[in-house]
Amino acid sequence: MSRLAIYSVIYVTGVLISAFSQIMLKASAGRKYKSRIKEYLNPLVITAYAIFFGCTLISMYALKVVPLSMSPVLEGTGYIFVTVLSFLFFKERLTIRQLAGMALVLGGIVIFALG
């Protein structure tokens, strides 16, 4: 496996982990809290933001090898990850528009990879 492929996988792994942290934030948003402070300073929210910070570090590390022009393409996988995770964890329905959007994202990634 080439060095670029390895670092691309590292980058996409960071995007996947970031998607999990977004799911954590959504789970936290669905709860009721006694005060605004408890709403924002609860372990789930703090952990999710810590994970976001870690994902930023992972992205910066991967960008040592991954070309900057490739970054938005790899970042686009996050839309797919969040949609699938929302379906799995929150039993959200997938609409035709969401499926079409995911197909467009995947199509763009394929076109970028082939071009």
C-alpha atoms as a PDB file:
ATOM      1  CA  MET A   1       0.000   0.000   0.000  1.00  0.00           C
ATOM      2  CA  SER A   2       1.366   3.400  -0.934  1.00  0.00           C
ATOM      3  CA  ARG A   3       2.163   6.092   1.588  1.00  0.00           C
ATOM      4  CA  LEU A   4      -0.610   8.308   0.159  1.00  0.00           C
ATOM      5  CA  ALA A   5      -3.163   5.502   0.545  1.00  0.00           C
ATOM      6  CA  ILE A   6      -2.145   4.896   4.162  1.00  0.00           C
ATOM      7  CA  TYR A   7      -2.425   8.579   5.065  1.00  0.00           C
ATOM      8  CA  SER A   8      -5.730   8.828   3.176  1.00  0.00           C
ATOM      9  CA  VAL A   9      -7.098   5.985   5.288  1.00  0.00           C
ATOM     10  CA  ILE A  10      -5.863   7.801   8.399  1.00  0.00           C
ATOM     11  CA  TYR A  11      -7.664  10.945   7.237  1.00  0.00           C
ATOM     12  CA  VAL A  12     -10.933   9.109   6.510  1.00  0.00           C
ATOM     13  CA  THR A  13     -10.673   7.320   9.868  1.00  0.00           C
ATOM     14  CA  GLY A  14     -10.523  10.742  11.512  1.00  0.00           C
ATOM     15  CA  VAL A  15     -13.623  11.764   9.573  1.00  0.00           C
ATOM     16  CA  LEU A  16     -15.414   8.603  10.750  1.00  0.00           C
ATOM     17  CA  ILE A  17     -14.473   9.242  14.377  1.00  0.00           C
ATOM     18  CA  SER A  18     -15.674  12.824  13.962  1.00  0.00           C
ATOM     19  CA  ALA A  19     -19.015  11.493  12.698  1.00  0.00           C
ATOM     20  CA  PHE A  20     -19.354   9.443  15.887  1.00  0.00           C
ATOM     21  CA  SER A  21     -18.761  12.582  17.941  1.00  0.00           C
ATOM     22  CA  GLN A  22     -21.521  14.343  15.994  1.00  0.00           C
ATOM     23  CA  ILE A  23     -23.830  11.467  16.900  1.00  0.00           C
ATOM     24  CA  MET A  24     -22.835  11.934  20.551  1.00  0.00           C
ATOM     25  CA  LEU A  25     -23.747  15.635  20.345  1.00  0.00           C
ATOM     26  CA  LYS A  26     -27.088  14.810  18.777  1.00  0.00           C
ATOM     27  CA  ALA A  27     -27.791  12.287  21.554  1.00  0.00           C
ATOM     28  CA  SER A  28     -26.952  14.958  24.115  1.00  0.00           C
ATOM     29  CA  ALA A  29     -29.204  17.492  22.390  1.00  0.00           C
ATOM     30  CA  GLY A  30     -32.163  15.147  22.752  1.00  0.00           C
ATOM     31  CA  ARG A  31     -31.966  15.133  26.546  1.00  0.00           C
ATOM     32  CA  LYS A  32     -33.506  17.573  29.005  1.00  0.00           C
ATOM     33  CA  TYR A  33     -31.237  19.478  31.386  1.00  0.00           C
ATOM     34  CA  LYS A  34     -31.999  21.482  34.519  1.00  0.00           C
ATOM     35  CA  SER A  35     -29.803  24.409  33.482  1.00  0.00           C
ATOM     36  CA  ARG A  36     -27.900  25.782  30.483  1.00  0.00           C
ATOM     37  CA  ILE A  37     -24.583  25.093  32.200  1.00  0.00           C
ATOM     38  CA  LYS A  38     -25.428  21.413  32.688  1.00  0.00           C
ATOM     39  CA  GLU A  39     -26.545  21.273  29.073  1.00  0.00           C
ATOM     40  CA  TYR A  40     -23.107  22.284  27.806  1.00  0.00           C
ATOM     41  CA  LEU A  41     -20.878  20.968  30.574  1.00  0.00           C
ATOM     42  CA  ASN A  42     -21.983  17.361  30.659  1.00  0.00           C
ATOM     43  CA  PRO A  43     -19.598  14.462  30.014  1.00  0.00           C
ATOM     44  CA  LEU A  44     -21.139  13.527  26.662  1.00  0.00           C
ATOM     45  CA  VAL A  45     -20.710  17.016  25.196  1.00  0.00           C
ATOM     46  CA  ILE A  46     -17.220  17.491  26.619  1.00  0.00           C
ATOM     47  CA  THR A  47     -16.144  14.091  25.288  1.00  0.00           C
ATOM     48  CA  ALA A  48     -17.605  14.827  21.851  1.00  0.00           C
ATOM     49  CA  TYR A  49     -15.711  18.116  21.599  1.00  0.00           C
ATOM     50  CA  ALA A  50     -12.522  16.449  22.808  1.00  0.00           C
ATOM     51  CA  ILE A  51     -12.968  13.881  20.049  1.00  0.00           C
ATOM     52  CA  PHE A  52     -13.461  16.715  17.524  1.00  0.00           C
ATOM     53  CA  PHE A  53     -10.167  18.201  18.688  1.00  0.00           C
ATOM     54  CA  GLY A  54      -8.463  14.822  18.315  1.00  0.00           C
ATOM     55  CA  CYS A  55      -9.871  14.469  14.809  1.00  0.00           C
ATOM     56  CA  THR A  56      -8.419  17.850  13.903  1.00  0.00           C
ATOM     57  CA  LEU A  57      -5.009  16.614  15.018  1.00  0.00           C
ATOM     58  CA  ILE A  58      -5.463  13.415  12.996  1.00  0.00           C
ATOM     59  CA  SER A  59      -6.370  15.490   9.917  1.00  0.00           C
ATOM     60  CA  MET A  60      -3.329  17.728  10.341  1.00  0.00           C
ATOM     61  CA  TYR A  61      -1.113  14.654  10.692  1.00  0.00           C
ATOM     62  CA  ALA A  62      -2.572  13.065   7.549  1.00  0.00           C
ATOM     63  CA  LEU A  63      -2.182  16.308   5.577  1.00  0.00           C
ATOM     64  CA  LYS A  64       1.584  15.894   5.876  1.00  0.00           C
ATOM     65  CA  VAL A  65       1.227  13.456   2.960  1.00  0.00           C
ATOM     66  CA  VAL A  66      -2.314  13.877   1.594  1.00  0.00           C
ATOM     67  CA  PRO A  67      -2.492  16.749  -0.917  1.00  0.00           C
ATOM     68  CA  LEU A  68      -4.610  19.651   0.265  1.00  0.00           C
ATOM     69  CA  SER A  69      -6.701  19.402  -2.911  1.00  0.00           C
ATOM     70  CA  MET A  70      -7.746  15.902  -1.831  1.00  0.00           C
ATOM     71  CA  SER A  71      -8.876  16.997   1.633  1.00  0.00           C
ATOM     72  CA  PRO A  72     -12.408  18.211   0.731  1.00  0.00           C
ATOM     73  CA  VAL A  73     -13.015  15.010  -1.209  1.00  0.00           C
ATOM     74  CA  LEU A  74     -12.090  12.833   1.758  1.00  0.00           C
ATOM     75  CA  GLU A  75     -13.987  15.135   4.121  1.00  0.00           C
ATOM     76  CA  GLY A  76     -17.107  14.541   2.017  1.00  0.00           C
ATOM     77  CA  THR A  77     -17.266  10.992   3.340  1.00  0.00           C
ATOM     78  CA  GLY A  78     -18.385  12.528   6.640  1.00  0.00           C
ATOM     79  CA  TYR A  79     -21.831  13.255   5.151  1.00  0.00           C
ATOM     80  CA  ILE A  80     -22.209   9.575   4.356  1.00  0.00           C
ATOM     81  CA  PHE A  81     -20.950   8.461   7.773  1.00  0.00           C
ATOM     82  CA  VAL A  82     -23.285  10.790   9.689  1.00  0.00           C
ATOM     83  CA  THR A  83     -26.301   9.731   7.619  1.00  0.00           C
ATOM     84  CA  VAL A  84     -25.597   6.030   8.096  1.00  0.00           C
ATOM     85  CA  LEU A  85     -24.845   6.417  11.815  1.00  0.00           C
ATOM     86  CA  SER A  86     -28.062   8.415  12.314  1.00  0.00           C
ATOM     87  CA  PHE A  87     -29.937   5.598  10.637  1.00  0.00           C
ATOM     88  CA  LEU A  88     -28.253   2.979  12.843  1.00  0.00           C
ATOM     89  CA  PHE A  89     -28.361   4.771  16.206  1.00  0.00           C
ATOM     90  CA  PHE A  90     -31.477   6.940  15.970  1.00  0.00           C
ATOM     91  CA  LYS A  91     -33.499   4.832  13.531  1.00  0.00           C
ATOM     92  CA  GLU A  92     -33.902   7.864  11.274  1.00  0.00           C
ATOM     93  CA  ARG A  93     -35.463   7.124   7.939  1.00  0.00           C
ATOM     94  CA  LEU A  94     -33.363   7.501   4.828  1.00  0.00           C
ATOM     95  CA  THR A  95     -35.120   9.624   2.236  1.00  0.00           C
ATOM     96  CA  ILE A  96     -34.673   9.484  -1.502  1.00  0.00           C
ATOM     97  CA  ARG A  97     -32.954  12.885  -1.349  1.00  0.00           C
ATOM     98  CA  GLN A  98     -30.449  11.625   1.235  1.00  0.00           C
ATOM     99  CA  LEU A  99     -29.715   8.519  -0.816  1.00  0.00           C
ATOM    100  CA  ALA A 100     -29.300  10.648  -3.940  1.00  0.00           C
ATOM    101  CA  GLY A 101     -26.992  12.996  -2.039  1.00  0.00           C
ATOM    102  CA  MET A 102     -24.864  10.111  -0.802  1.00  0.00           C
ATOM    103  CA  ALA A 103     -24.711   8.745  -4.360  1.00  0.00           C
ATOM    104  CA  LEU A 104     -23.531  12.158  -5.606  1.00  0.00           C
ATOM    105  CA  VAL A 105     -20.854  12.330  -2.903  1.00  0.00           C
ATOM    106  CA  LEU A 106     -19.651   8.829  -3.745  1.00  0.00           C
ATOM    107  CA  GLY A 107     -19.742   9.670  -7.450  1.00  0.00           C
ATOM    108  CA  GLY A 108     -17.629  12.772  -6.838  1.00  0.00           C
ATOM    109  CA  ILE A 109     -15.093  10.763  -4.862  1.00  0.00           C
ATOM    110  CA  VAL A 110     -14.881   8.176  -7.659  1.00  0.00           C
ATOM    111  CA  ILE A 111     -14.500  10.859 -10.340  1.00  0.00           C
ATOM    112  CA  PHE A 112     -11.767  12.553  -8.296  1.00  0.00           C
ATOM    113  CA  ALA A 113      -9.983   9.238  -7.755  1.00  0.00           C
ATOM    114  CA  LEU A 114     -10.093   8.334 -11.440  1.00  0.00           C
ATOM    115  CA  GLY A 115      -9.194  11.817 -12.702  1.00  0.00           C
END
